[in-house]
Amino acid sequence: MFRKFYEQSKETEYEVEQPVSSNEISKLALKVLNERAEVVDVYLEIVEVQDKGKEYSTVVVDQYLDDGSNLVYLIYSSEYIDEMKWSILKDEIKKSYVKKYNVCDEDIFYISFCR
């Protein structure tokens, strides 16, 4: 998992963990949720990690906090996530996030939550 932190136009990056099994992604997506987030966007991307020279299916958890800062977590999957698997993961994430957020927008590869 990789975390990017944006605050007042400053970007800090650091790698937290190695790629994880797709079965762990929904738990990690809930773990990284910040209670101060006003809006949370969750989507699937293919991300190239230059240090490793590999591409990973990546679930991005993009959080816009109440203080104007932006936390972005990239959760790398150790296996390819196809449309079917993403649909299942997205539903799992949705079930855990709707306890604290409303669904504001959703399509095949993206879901947005807001207060």
PDB file of N, CA and C in Angstrom:
ATOM      1  N   MET A   1       0.853  -1.167   0.000  1.00  0.00           N
ATOM      2  CA  MET A   1       0.000   0.000   0.000  1.00  0.00           C
ATOM      3  C   MET A   1       0.897   1.226   0.000  1.00  0.00           C
ATOM      4  N   PHE A   2       0.438   2.238  -0.651  1.00  0.00           N
ATOM      5  CA  PHE A   2       1.223   3.456  -0.821  1.00  0.00           C
ATOM      6  C   PHE A   2       0.355   4.625  -0.400  1.00  0.00           C
ATOM      7  N   ARG A   3       0.918   5.549   0.330  1.00  0.00           N
ATOM      8  CA  ARG A   3       0.134   6.696   0.782  1.00  0.00           C
ATOM      9  C   ARG A   3       0.729   7.974   0.220  1.00  0.00           C
ATOM     10  N   LYS A   4      -0.133   8.815  -0.308  1.00  0.00           N
ATOM     11  CA  LYS A   4       0.270  10.155  -0.732  1.00  0.00           C
ATOM     12  C   LYS A   4      -0.501  11.132   0.136  1.00  0.00           C
ATOM     13  N   PHE A   5       0.176  12.158   0.597  1.00  0.00           N
ATOM     14  CA  PHE A   5      -0.474  13.147   1.443  1.00  0.00           C
ATOM     15  C   PHE A   5      -0.275  14.522   0.831  1.00  0.00           C
ATOM     16  N   TYR A   6      -1.357  15.210   0.596  1.00  0.00           N
ATOM     17  CA  TYR A   6      -1.306  16.551   0.016  1.00  0.00           C
ATOM     18  C   TYR A   6      -1.794  17.548   1.062  1.00  0.00           C
ATOM     19  N   GLU A   7      -0.983  18.537   1.338  1.00  0.00           N
ATOM     20  CA  GLU A   7      -1.402  19.582   2.258  1.00  0.00           C
ATOM     21  C   GLU A   7      -0.736  20.879   1.834  1.00  0.00           C
ATOM     22  N   GLN A   8      -1.531  21.869   1.555  1.00  0.00           N
ATOM     23  CA  GLN A   8      -1.029  23.178   1.141  1.00  0.00           C
ATOM     24  C   GLN A   8       0.013  23.050   0.028  1.00  0.00           C
ATOM     25  N   SER A   9      -0.331  22.315  -1.000  1.00  0.00           N
ATOM     26  CA  SER A   9       0.498  22.118  -2.199  1.00  0.00           C
ATOM     27  C   SER A   9       1.794  21.358  -1.936  1.00  0.00           C
ATOM     28  N   LYS A  10       1.929  20.732  -0.793  1.00  0.00           N
ATOM     29  CA  LYS A  10       3.105  19.914  -0.511  1.00  0.00           C
ATOM     30  C   LYS A  10       2.693  18.452  -0.626  1.00  0.00           C
ATOM     31  N   GLU A  11       3.511  17.663  -1.270  1.00  0.00           N
ATOM     32  CA  GLU A  11       3.193  16.254  -1.455  1.00  0.00           C
ATOM     33  C   GLU A  11       4.261  15.407  -0.774  1.00  0.00           C
ATOM     34  N   THR A  12       3.823  14.485   0.041  1.00  0.00           N
ATOM     35  CA  THR A  12       4.719  13.540   0.694  1.00  0.00           C
ATOM     36  C   THR A  12       4.290  12.152   0.266  1.00  0.00           C
ATOM     37  N   GLU A  13       5.243  11.321  -0.067  1.00  0.00           N
ATOM     38  CA  GLU A  13       4.920   9.964  -0.493  1.00  0.00           C
ATOM     39  C   GLU A  13       5.752   8.983   0.313  1.00  0.00           C
ATOM     40  N   TYR A  14       5.160   7.869   0.669  1.00  0.00           N
ATOM     41  CA  TYR A  14       5.953   6.792   1.232  1.00  0.00           C
ATOM     42  C   TYR A  14       5.219   5.472   1.070  1.00  0.00           C
ATOM     43  N   GLU A  15       5.992   4.435   0.906  1.00  0.00           N
ATOM     44  CA  GLU A  15       5.418   3.115   0.729  1.00  0.00           C
ATOM     45  C   GLU A  15       5.224   2.490   2.098  1.00  0.00           C
ATOM     46  N   VAL A  16       4.056   1.936   2.329  1.00  0.00           N
ATOM     47  CA  VAL A  16       3.729   1.373   3.622  1.00  0.00           C
ATOM     48  C   VAL A  16       3.849  -0.149   3.604  1.00  0.00           C
ATOM     49  N   GLU A  17       3.334  -0.787   2.580  1.00  0.00           N
ATOM     50  CA  GLU A  17       3.330  -2.243   2.524  1.00  0.00           C
ATOM     51  C   GLU A  17       3.505  -2.724   1.094  1.00  0.00           C
ATOM     52  N   GLN A  18       3.757  -4.007   0.966  1.00  0.00           N
ATOM     53  CA  GLN A  18       3.831  -4.662  -0.335  1.00  0.00           C
ATOM     54  C   GLN A  18       2.413  -4.871  -0.867  1.00  0.00           C
ATOM     55  N   PRO A  19       2.273  -5.218  -2.139  1.00  0.00           N
ATOM     56  CA  PRO A  19       0.944  -5.527  -2.675  1.00  0.00           C
ATOM     57  C   PRO A  19       0.258  -6.615  -1.849  1.00  0.00           C
ATOM     58  N   VAL A  20      -1.052  -6.516  -1.760  1.00  0.00           N
ATOM     59  CA  VAL A  20      -1.828  -7.435  -0.926  1.00  0.00           C
ATOM     60  C   VAL A  20      -2.771  -8.263  -1.792  1.00  0.00           C
ATOM     61  N   SER A  21      -3.260  -9.326  -1.219  1.00  0.00           N
ATOM     62  CA  SER A  21      -4.267 -10.148  -1.882  1.00  0.00           C
ATOM     63  C   SER A  21      -5.530  -9.313  -2.070  1.00  0.00           C
ATOM     64  N   SER A  22      -6.224  -9.540  -3.156  1.00  0.00           N
ATOM     65  CA  SER A  22      -7.451  -8.770  -3.399  1.00  0.00           C
ATOM     66  C   SER A  22      -8.487  -9.015  -2.302  1.00  0.00           C
ATOM     67  N   ASN A  23      -8.386 -10.147  -1.603  1.00  0.00           N
ATOM     68  CA  ASN A  23      -9.313 -10.436  -0.505  1.00  0.00           C
ATOM     69  C   ASN A  23      -9.122  -9.495   0.686  1.00  0.00           C
ATOM     70  N   GLU A  24      -7.966  -8.857   0.790  1.00  0.00           N
ATOM     71  CA  GLU A  24      -7.664  -7.959   1.909  1.00  0.00           C
ATOM     72  C   GLU A  24      -8.010  -6.499   1.614  1.00  0.00           C
ATOM     73  N   ILE A  25      -8.304  -6.187   0.377  1.00  0.00           N
ATOM     74  CA  ILE A  25      -8.450  -4.787  -0.033  1.00  0.00           C
ATOM     75  C   ILE A  25      -9.605  -4.077   0.661  1.00  0.00           C
ATOM     76  N   SER A  26     -10.765  -4.706   0.769  1.00  0.00           N
ATOM     77  CA  SER A  26     -11.898  -4.011   1.394  1.00  0.00           C
ATOM     78  C   SER A  26     -11.621  -3.714   2.865  1.00  0.00           C
ATOM     79  N   LYS A  27     -10.915  -4.602   3.568  1.00  0.00           N
ATOM     80  CA  LYS A  27     -10.552  -4.353   4.969  1.00  0.00           C
ATOM     81  C   LYS A  27      -9.580  -3.179   5.068  1.00  0.00           C
ATOM     82  N   LEU A  28      -8.603  -3.135   4.162  1.00  0.00           N
ATOM     83  CA  LEU A  28      -7.640  -2.031   4.169  1.00  0.00           C
ATOM     84  C   LEU A  28      -8.309  -0.706   3.812  1.00  0.00           C
ATOM     85  N   ALA A  29      -9.258  -0.749   2.886  1.00  0.00           N
ATOM     86  CA  ALA A  29      -9.968   0.478   2.503  1.00  0.00           C
ATOM     87  C   ALA A  29     -10.719   1.061   3.699  1.00  0.00           C
ATOM     88  N   LEU A  30     -11.259   0.206   4.544  1.00  0.00           N
ATOM     89  CA  LEU A  30     -11.934   0.680   5.752  1.00  0.00           C
ATOM     90  C   LEU A  30     -10.910   1.167   6.778  1.00  0.00           C
ATOM     91  N   LYS A  31      -9.794   0.475   6.875  1.00  0.00           N
ATOM     92  CA  LYS A  31      -8.748   0.837   7.841  1.00  0.00           C
ATOM     93  C   LYS A  31      -8.175   2.233   7.568  1.00  0.00           C
ATOM     94  N   VAL A  32      -8.020   2.609   6.311  1.00  0.00           N
ATOM     95  CA  VAL A  32      -7.421   3.909   5.980  1.00  0.00           C
ATOM     96  C   VAL A  32      -8.423   5.059   6.001  1.00  0.00           C
ATOM     97  N   LEU A  33      -9.703   4.763   6.167  1.00  0.00           N
ATOM     98  CA  LEU A  33     -10.726   5.809   6.172  1.00  0.00           C
ATOM     99  C   LEU A  33     -10.495   6.773   7.333  1.00  0.00           C
ATOM    100  N   ASN A  34     -10.397   8.046   7.018  1.00  0.00           N
ATOM    101  CA  ASN A  34     -10.186   9.086   8.018  1.00  0.00           C
ATOM    102  C   ASN A  34     -11.542   9.659   8.416  1.00  0.00           C
ATOM    103  N   GLU A  35     -11.808   9.693   9.706  1.00  0.00           N
ATOM    104  CA  GLU A  35     -13.101  10.172  10.215  1.00  0.00           C
ATOM    105  C   GLU A  35     -13.382  11.633   9.855  1.00  0.00           C
ATOM    106  N   ARG A  36     -12.336  12.394   9.548  1.00  0.00           N
ATOM    107  CA  ARG A  36     -12.509  13.809   9.210  1.00  0.00           C
ATOM    108  C   ARG A  36     -12.804  14.031   7.731  1.00  0.00           C
ATOM    109  N   ALA A  37     -12.835  12.988   6.962  1.00  0.00           N
ATOM    110  CA  ALA A  37     -13.067  13.130   5.520  1.00  0.00           C
ATOM    111  C   ALA A  37     -14.505  13.567   5.254  1.00  0.00           C
ATOM    112  N   GLU A  38     -14.640  14.596   4.439  1.00  0.00           N
ATOM    113  CA  GLU A  38     -15.957  15.071   4.016  1.00  0.00           C
ATOM    114  C   GLU A  38     -16.423  14.314   2.777  1.00  0.00           C
ATOM    115  N   VAL A  39     -15.471  14.012   1.894  1.00  0.00           N
ATOM    116  CA  VAL A  39     -15.748  13.286   0.651  1.00  0.00           C
ATOM    117  C   VAL A  39     -14.681  12.210   0.495  1.00  0.00           C
ATOM    118  N   VAL A  40     -15.103  11.024   0.059  1.00  0.00           N
ATOM    119  CA  VAL A  40     -14.171   9.925  -0.194  1.00  0.00           C
ATOM    120  C   VAL A  40     -14.506   9.333  -1.559  1.00  0.00           C
ATOM    121  N   ASP A  41     -13.524   9.319  -2.452  1.00  0.00           N
ATOM    122  CA  ASP A  41     -13.680   8.694  -3.762  1.00  0.00           C
ATOM    123  C   ASP A  41     -12.873   7.404  -3.758  1.00  0.00           C
ATOM    124  N   VAL A  42     -13.476   6.325  -4.239  1.00  0.00           N
ATOM    125  CA  VAL A  42     -12.799   5.031  -4.318  1.00  0.00           C
ATOM    126  C   VAL A  42     -12.917   4.549  -5.754  1.00  0.00           C
ATOM    127  N   TYR A  43     -11.779   4.211  -6.371  1.00  0.00           N
ATOM    128  CA  TYR A  43     -11.817   3.764  -7.756  1.00  0.00           C
ATOM    129  C   TYR A  43     -10.669   2.814  -8.049  1.00  0.00           C
ATOM    130  N   LEU A  44     -10.761   2.155  -9.181  1.00  0.00           N
ATOM    131  CA  LEU A  44      -9.778   1.170  -9.622  1.00  0.00           C
ATOM    132  C   LEU A  44      -8.932   1.757 -10.741  1.00  0.00           C
ATOM    133  N   GLU A  45      -7.617   1.561 -10.642  1.00  0.00           N
ATOM    134  CA  GLU A  45      -6.677   2.003 -11.681  1.00  0.00           C
ATOM    135  C   GLU A  45      -5.576   0.965 -11.831  1.00  0.00           C
ATOM    136  N   ILE A  46      -4.890   1.017 -12.941  1.00  0.00           N
ATOM    137  CA  ILE A  46      -3.648   0.268 -13.112  1.00  0.00           C
ATOM    138  C   ILE A  46      -2.522   1.266 -12.872  1.00  0.00           C
ATOM    139  N   VAL A  47      -1.652   0.966 -11.908  1.00  0.00           N
ATOM    140  CA  VAL A  47      -0.582   1.885 -11.525  1.00  0.00           C
ATOM    141  C   VAL A  47       0.760   1.202 -11.731  1.00  0.00           C
ATOM    142  N   GLU A  48       1.676   1.921 -12.384  1.00  0.00           N
ATOM    143  CA  GLU A  48       3.031   1.406 -12.569  1.00  0.00           C
ATOM    144  C   GLU A  48       3.908   1.910 -11.429  1.00  0.00           C
ATOM    145  N   VAL A  49       4.576   0.970 -10.766  1.00  0.00           N
ATOM    146  CA  VAL A  49       5.516   1.316  -9.705  1.00  0.00           C
ATOM    147  C   VAL A  49       6.896   1.289 -10.327  1.00  0.00           C
ATOM    148  N   GLN A  50       7.472   2.463 -10.517  1.00  0.00           N
ATOM    149  CA  GLN A  50       8.714   2.569 -11.278  1.00  0.00           C
ATOM    150  C   GLN A  50       9.877   1.861 -10.609  1.00  0.00           C
ATOM    151  N   ASP A  51       9.975   1.920  -9.279  1.00  0.00           N
ATOM    152  CA  ASP A  51      11.079   1.247  -8.587  1.00  0.00           C
ATOM    153  C   ASP A  51      11.075  -0.256  -8.838  1.00  0.00           C
ATOM    154  N   LYS A  52       9.886  -0.815  -8.995  1.00  0.00           N
ATOM    155  CA  LYS A  52       9.757  -2.255  -9.182  1.00  0.00           C
ATOM    156  C   LYS A  52       9.588  -2.634 -10.646  1.00  0.00           C
ATOM    157  N   GLY A  53       9.297  -1.652 -11.495  1.00  0.00           N
ATOM    158  CA  GLY A  53       9.093  -1.926 -12.906  1.00  0.00           C
ATOM    159  C   GLY A  53       7.885  -2.804 -13.175  1.00  0.00           C
ATOM    160  N   LYS A  54       6.866  -2.698 -12.315  1.00  0.00           N
ATOM    161  CA  LYS A  54       5.667  -3.523 -12.454  1.00  0.00           C
ATOM    162  C   LYS A  54       4.424  -2.653 -12.452  1.00  0.00           C
ATOM    163  N   GLU A  55       3.362  -3.202 -13.039  1.00  0.00           N
ATOM    164  CA  GLU A  55       2.049  -2.574 -12.980  1.00  0.00           C
ATOM    165  C   GLU A  55       1.168  -3.390 -12.049  1.00  0.00           C
ATOM    166  N   TYR A  56       0.362  -2.695 -11.256  1.00  0.00           N
ATOM    167  CA  TYR A  56      -0.533  -3.356 -10.315  1.00  0.00           C
ATOM    168  C   TYR A  56      -1.951  -2.834 -10.481  1.00  0.00           C
ATOM    169  N   SER A  57      -2.926  -3.730 -10.355  1.00  0.00           N
ATOM    170  CA  SER A  57      -4.302  -3.284 -10.165  1.00  0.00           C
ATOM    171  C   SER A  57      -4.308  -2.592  -8.813  1.00  0.00           C
ATOM    172  N   THR A  58      -4.854  -1.387  -8.779  1.00  0.00           N
ATOM    173  CA  THR A  58      -4.741  -0.566  -7.577  1.00  0.00           C
ATOM    174  C   THR A  58      -6.089   0.048  -7.228  1.00  0.00           C
ATOM    175  N   VAL A  59      -6.480  -0.105  -5.983  1.00  0.00           N
ATOM    176  CA  VAL A  59      -7.674   0.564  -5.489  1.00  0.00           C
ATOM    177  C   VAL A  59      -7.212   1.866  -4.845  1.00  0.00           C
ATOM    178  N   VAL A  60      -7.737   2.969  -5.349  1.00  0.00           N
ATOM    179  CA  VAL A  60      -7.367   4.296  -4.860  1.00  0.00           C
ATOM    180  C   VAL A  60      -8.460   4.778  -3.912  1.00  0.00           C
ATOM    181  N   VAL A  61      -8.052   5.183  -2.708  1.00  0.00           N
ATOM    182  CA  VAL A  61      -8.966   5.765  -1.727  1.00  0.00           C
ATOM    183  C   VAL A  61      -8.532   7.220  -1.555  1.00  0.00           C
ATOM    184  N   ASP A  62      -9.300   8.119  -2.149  1.00  0.00           N
ATOM    185  CA  ASP A  62      -8.968   9.544  -2.210  1.00  0.00           C
ATOM    186  C   ASP A  62      -9.897  10.294  -1.252  1.00  0.00           C
ATOM    187  N   GLN A  63      -9.319  10.873  -0.194  1.00  0.00           N
ATOM    188  CA  GLN A  63     -10.114  11.488   0.866  1.00  0.00           C
ATOM    189  C   GLN A  63      -9.863  12.990   0.933  1.00  0.00           C
ATOM    190  N   TYR A  64     -10.949  13.747   0.967  1.00  0.00           N
ATOM    191  CA  TYR A  64     -10.876  15.196   1.095  1.00  0.00           C
ATOM    192  C   TYR A  64     -11.309  15.555   2.513  1.00  0.00           C
ATOM    193  N   LEU A  65     -10.350  16.011   3.324  1.00  0.00           N
ATOM    194  CA  LEU A  65     -10.609  16.261   4.735  1.00  0.00           C
ATOM    195  C   LEU A  65     -11.235  17.624   4.974  1.00  0.00           C
ATOM    196  N   ASP A  66     -11.816  17.768   6.160  1.00  0.00           N
ATOM    197  CA  ASP A  66     -12.502  19.012   6.510  1.00  0.00           C
ATOM    198  C   ASP A  66     -11.565  20.209   6.637  1.00  0.00           C
ATOM    199  N   ASP A  67     -10.251  19.978   6.749  1.00  0.00           N
ATOM    200  CA  ASP A  67      -9.298  21.088   6.841  1.00  0.00           C
ATOM    201  C   ASP A  67      -8.718  21.482   5.481  1.00  0.00           C
ATOM    202  N   GLY A  68      -9.235  20.883   4.415  1.00  0.00           N
ATOM    203  CA  GLY A  68      -8.779  21.205   3.064  1.00  0.00           C
ATOM    204  C   GLY A  68      -7.654  20.332   2.555  1.00  0.00           C
ATOM    205  N   SER A  69      -7.122  19.457   3.399  1.00  0.00           N
ATOM    206  CA  SER A  69      -6.047  18.572   2.942  1.00  0.00           C
ATOM    207  C   SER A  69      -6.632  17.359   2.227  1.00  0.00           C
ATOM    208  N   ASN A  70      -5.771  16.630   1.567  1.00  0.00           N
ATOM    209  CA  ASN A  70      -6.186  15.521   0.714  1.00  0.00           C
ATOM    210  C   ASN A  70      -5.284  14.320   0.986  1.00  0.00           C
ATOM    211  N   LEU A  71      -5.860  13.242   1.489  1.00  0.00           N
ATOM    212  CA  LEU A  71      -5.126  11.999   1.719  1.00  0.00           C
ATOM    213  C   LEU A  71      -5.476  11.023   0.609  1.00  0.00           C
ATOM    214  N   VAL A  72      -4.471  10.432  -0.003  1.00  0.00           N
ATOM    215  CA  VAL A  72      -4.713   9.463  -1.066  1.00  0.00           C
ATOM    216  C   VAL A  72      -3.956   8.186  -0.728  1.00  0.00           C
ATOM    217  N   TYR A  73      -4.672   7.085  -0.667  1.00  0.00           N
ATOM    218  CA  TYR A  73      -4.051   5.788  -0.431  1.00  0.00           C
ATOM    219  C   TYR A  73      -4.182   4.954  -1.690  1.00  0.00           C
ATOM    220  N   LEU A  74      -3.081   4.361  -2.111  1.00  0.00           N
ATOM    221  CA  LEU A  74      -3.076   3.445  -3.245  1.00  0.00           C
ATOM    222  C   LEU A  74      -2.857   2.049  -2.684  1.00  0.00           C
ATOM    223  N   ILE A  75      -3.847   1.197  -2.804  1.00  0.00           N
ATOM    224  CA  ILE A  75      -3.757  -0.166  -2.292  1.00  0.00           C
ATOM    225  C   ILE A  75      -3.488  -1.079  -3.475  1.00  0.00           C
ATOM    226  N   TYR A  76      -2.243  -1.550  -3.569  1.00  0.00           N
ATOM    227  CA  TYR A  76      -1.833  -2.406  -4.682  1.00  0.00           C
ATOM    228  C   TYR A  76      -2.315  -3.829  -4.452  1.00  0.00           C
ATOM    229  N   SER A  77      -2.833  -4.430  -5.491  1.00  0.00           N
ATOM    230  CA  SER A  77      -3.241  -5.830  -5.422  1.00  0.00           C
ATOM    231  C   SER A  77      -2.141  -6.709  -6.000  1.00  0.00           C
ATOM    232  N   SER A  78      -1.915  -7.840  -5.365  1.00  0.00           N
ATOM    233  CA  SER A  78      -0.898  -8.773  -5.859  1.00  0.00           C
ATOM    234  C   SER A  78      -1.396  -9.556  -7.072  1.00  0.00           C
ATOM    235  N   GLU A  79      -2.703  -9.486  -7.343  1.00  0.00           N
ATOM    236  CA  GLU A  79      -3.236 -10.136  -8.542  1.00  0.00           C
ATOM    237  C   GLU A  79      -4.083  -9.145  -9.345  1.00  0.00           C
ATOM    238  N   TYR A  80      -4.311  -9.491 -10.596  1.00  0.00           N
ATOM    239  CA  TYR A  80      -5.095  -8.633 -11.483  1.00  0.00           C
ATOM    240  C   TYR A  80      -6.548  -8.589 -11.004  1.00  0.00           C
ATOM    241  N   ILE A  81      -7.132  -7.401 -10.983  1.00  0.00           N
ATOM    242  CA  ILE A  81      -8.538  -7.238 -10.608  1.00  0.00           C
ATOM    243  C   ILE A  81      -9.326  -6.934 -11.874  1.00  0.00           C
ATOM    244  N   ASP A  82     -10.171  -7.874 -12.265  1.00  0.00           N
ATOM    245  CA  ASP A  82     -11.007  -7.668 -13.444  1.00  0.00           C
ATOM    246  C   ASP A  82     -12.325  -6.997 -13.027  1.00  0.00           C
ATOM    247  N   GLU A  83     -13.204  -6.753 -13.993  1.00  0.00           N
ATOM    248  CA  GLU A  83     -14.472  -6.071 -13.716  1.00  0.00           C
ATOM    249  C   GLU A  83     -15.321  -6.809 -12.695  1.00  0.00           C
ATOM    250  N   MET A  84     -15.364  -8.124 -12.808  1.00  0.00           N
ATOM    251  CA  MET A  84     -16.180  -8.936 -11.898  1.00  0.00           C
ATOM    252  C   MET A  84     -15.648  -8.822 -10.462  1.00  0.00           C
ATOM    253  N   LYS A  85     -14.353  -8.982 -10.300  1.00  0.00           N
ATOM    254  CA  LYS A  85     -13.745  -8.901  -8.966  1.00  0.00           C
ATOM    255  C   LYS A  85     -13.897  -7.487  -8.402  1.00  0.00           C
ATOM    256  N   TRP A  86     -13.728  -6.463  -9.236  1.00  0.00           N
ATOM    257  CA  TRP A  86     -13.886  -5.089  -8.772  1.00  0.00           C
ATOM    258  C   TRP A  86     -15.310  -4.829  -8.302  1.00  0.00           C
ATOM    259  N   SER A  87     -16.281  -5.364  -9.015  1.00  0.00           N
ATOM    260  CA  SER A  87     -17.676  -5.188  -8.625  1.00  0.00           C
ATOM    261  C   SER A  87     -17.917  -5.744  -7.217  1.00  0.00           C
ATOM    262  N   ILE A  88     -17.339  -6.898  -6.932  1.00  0.00           N
ATOM    263  CA  ILE A  88     -17.471  -7.513  -5.608  1.00  0.00           C
ATOM    264  C   ILE A  88     -16.770  -6.652  -4.555  1.00  0.00           C
ATOM    265  N   LEU A  89     -15.537  -6.231  -4.855  1.00  0.00           N
ATOM    266  CA  LEU A  89     -14.785  -5.388  -3.918  1.00  0.00           C
ATOM    267  C   LEU A  89     -15.505  -4.068  -3.651  1.00  0.00           C
ATOM    268  N   LYS A  90     -16.005  -3.466  -4.714  1.00  0.00           N
ATOM    269  CA  LYS A  90     -16.701  -2.182  -4.579  1.00  0.00           C
ATOM    270  C   LYS A  90     -17.929  -2.331  -3.681  1.00  0.00           C
ATOM    271  N   ASP A  91     -18.662  -3.430  -3.839  1.00  0.00           N
ATOM    272  CA  ASP A  91     -19.833  -3.671  -2.990  1.00  0.00           C
ATOM    273  C   ASP A  91     -19.440  -3.867  -1.527  1.00  0.00           C
ATOM    274  N   GLU A  92     -18.322  -4.565  -1.286  1.00  0.00           N
ATOM    275  CA  GLU A  92     -17.845  -4.762   0.087  1.00  0.00           C
ATOM    276  C   GLU A  92     -17.454  -3.425   0.717  1.00  0.00           C
ATOM    277  N   ILE A  93     -16.744  -2.605  -0.043  1.00  0.00           N
ATOM    278  CA  ILE A  93     -16.337  -1.287   0.453  1.00  0.00           C
ATOM    279  C   ILE A  93     -17.573  -0.425   0.713  1.00  0.00           C
ATOM    280  N   LYS A  94     -18.511  -0.479  -0.199  1.00  0.00           N
ATOM    281  CA  LYS A  94     -19.744   0.299  -0.066  1.00  0.00           C
ATOM    282  C   LYS A  94     -20.488  -0.075   1.217  1.00  0.00           C
ATOM    283  N   LYS A  95     -20.599  -1.370   1.500  1.00  0.00           N
ATOM    284  CA  LYS A  95     -21.307  -1.821   2.705  1.00  0.00           C
ATOM    285  C   LYS A  95     -20.662  -1.275   3.974  1.00  0.00           C
ATOM    286  N   SER A  96     -19.345  -1.204   4.001  1.00  0.00           N
ATOM    287  CA  SER A  96     -18.680  -0.707   5.209  1.00  0.00           C
ATOM    288  C   SER A  96     -18.703   0.820   5.292  1.00  0.00           C
ATOM    289  N   TYR A  97     -18.630   1.514   4.169  1.00  0.00           N
ATOM    290  CA  TYR A  97     -18.597   2.979   4.182  1.00  0.00           C
ATOM    291  C   TYR A  97     -19.971   3.604   4.415  1.00  0.00           C
ATOM    292  N   VAL A  98     -21.050   2.942   3.989  1.00  0.00           N
ATOM    293  CA  VAL A  98     -22.380   3.564   4.111  1.00  0.00           C
ATOM    294  C   VAL A  98     -22.845   3.661   5.562  1.00  0.00           C
ATOM    295  N   LYS A  99     -22.110   3.069   6.471  1.00  0.00           N
ATOM    296  CA  LYS A  99     -22.428   3.236   7.891  1.00  0.00           C
ATOM    297  C   LYS A  99     -22.127   4.663   8.346  1.00  0.00           C
ATOM    298  N   LYS A 100     -21.201   5.334   7.637  1.00  0.00           N
ATOM    299  CA  LYS A 100     -20.792   6.690   8.017  1.00  0.00           C
ATOM    300  C   LYS A 100     -21.022   7.723   6.917  1.00  0.00           C
ATOM    301  N   TYR A 101     -21.250   7.268   5.689  1.00  0.00           N
ATOM    302  CA  TYR A 101     -21.344   8.174   4.538  1.00  0.00           C
ATOM    303  C   TYR A 101     -22.536   7.824   3.662  1.00  0.00           C
ATOM    304  N   ASN A 102     -22.927   8.798   2.851  1.00  0.00           N
ATOM    305  CA  ASN A 102     -23.919   8.579   1.804  1.00  0.00           C
ATOM    306  C   ASN A 102     -23.186   8.313   0.497  1.00  0.00           C
ATOM    307  N   VAL A 103     -23.809   7.558  -0.398  1.00  0.00           N
ATOM    308  CA  VAL A 103     -23.256   7.379  -1.738  1.00  0.00           C
ATOM    309  C   VAL A 103     -23.697   8.581  -2.558  1.00  0.00           C
ATOM    310  N   CYS A 104     -22.723   9.335  -3.070  1.00  0.00           N
ATOM    311  CA  CYS A 104     -23.031  10.550  -3.832  1.00  0.00           C
ATOM    312  C   CYS A 104     -23.040  10.304  -5.332  1.00  0.00           C
ATOM    313  N   ASP A 105     -22.201   9.372  -5.782  1.00  0.00           N
ATOM    314  CA  ASP A 105     -22.094   9.074  -7.208  1.00  0.00           C
ATOM    315  C   ASP A 105     -21.478   7.689  -7.343  1.00  0.00           C
ATOM    316  N   GLU A 106     -21.852   6.994  -8.410  1.00  0.00           N
ATOM    317  CA  GLU A 106     -21.316   5.647  -8.611  1.00  0.00           C
ATOM    318  C   GLU A 106     -21.439   5.247 -10.072  1.00  0.00           C
ATOM    319  N   ASP A 107     -20.408   4.568 -10.568  1.00  0.00           N
ATOM    320  CA  ASP A 107     -20.485   3.923 -11.869  1.00  0.00           C
ATOM    321  C   ASP A 107     -19.705   2.614 -11.791  1.00  0.00           C
ATOM    322  N   ILE A 108     -19.338   2.055 -12.924  1.00  0.00           N
ATOM    323  CA  ILE A 108     -18.700   0.739 -12.941  1.00  0.00           C
ATOM    324  C   ILE A 108     -17.369   0.721 -12.194  1.00  0.00           C
ATOM    325  N   PHE A 109     -16.527   1.739 -12.376  1.00  0.00           N
ATOM    326  CA  PHE A 109     -15.180   1.723 -11.804  1.00  0.00           C
ATOM    327  C   PHE A 109     -14.975   2.710 -10.660  1.00  0.00           C
ATOM    328  N   TYR A 110     -16.025   3.344 -10.184  1.00  0.00           N
ATOM    329  CA  TYR A 110     -15.869   4.476  -9.279  1.00  0.00           C
ATOM    330  C   TYR A 110     -17.048   4.555  -8.321  1.00  0.00           C
ATOM    331  N   ILE A 111     -16.759   4.946  -7.083  1.00  0.00           N
ATOM    332  CA  ILE A 111     -17.839   5.247  -6.145  1.00  0.00           C
ATOM    333  C   ILE A 111     -17.401   6.422  -5.278  1.00  0.00           C
ATOM    334  N   SER A 112     -18.311   7.353  -5.071  1.00  0.00           N
ATOM    335  CA  SER A 112     -18.010   8.550  -4.289  1.00  0.00           C
ATOM    336  C   SER A 112     -18.948   8.598  -3.088  1.00  0.00           C
ATOM    337  N   PHE A 113     -18.361   8.871  -1.925  1.00  0.00           N
ATOM    338  CA  PHE A 113     -19.117   8.970  -0.682  1.00  0.00           C
ATOM    339  C   PHE A 113     -18.993  10.390  -0.145  1.00  0.00           C
ATOM    340  N   CYS A 114     -20.062  10.877   0.482  1.00  0.00           N
ATOM    341  CA  CYS A 114     -20.012  12.196   1.107  1.00  0.00           C
ATOM    342  C   CYS A 114     -20.891  12.183   2.348  1.00  0.00           C
ATOM    343  N   ARG A 115     -20.712  13.188   3.161  1.00  0.00           N
ATOM    344  CA  ARG A 115     -21.505  13.294   4.408  1.00  0.00           C
ATOM    345  C   ARG A 115     -22.852  13.899   4.116  1.00  0.00           C
TER     346      ARG A 115
END
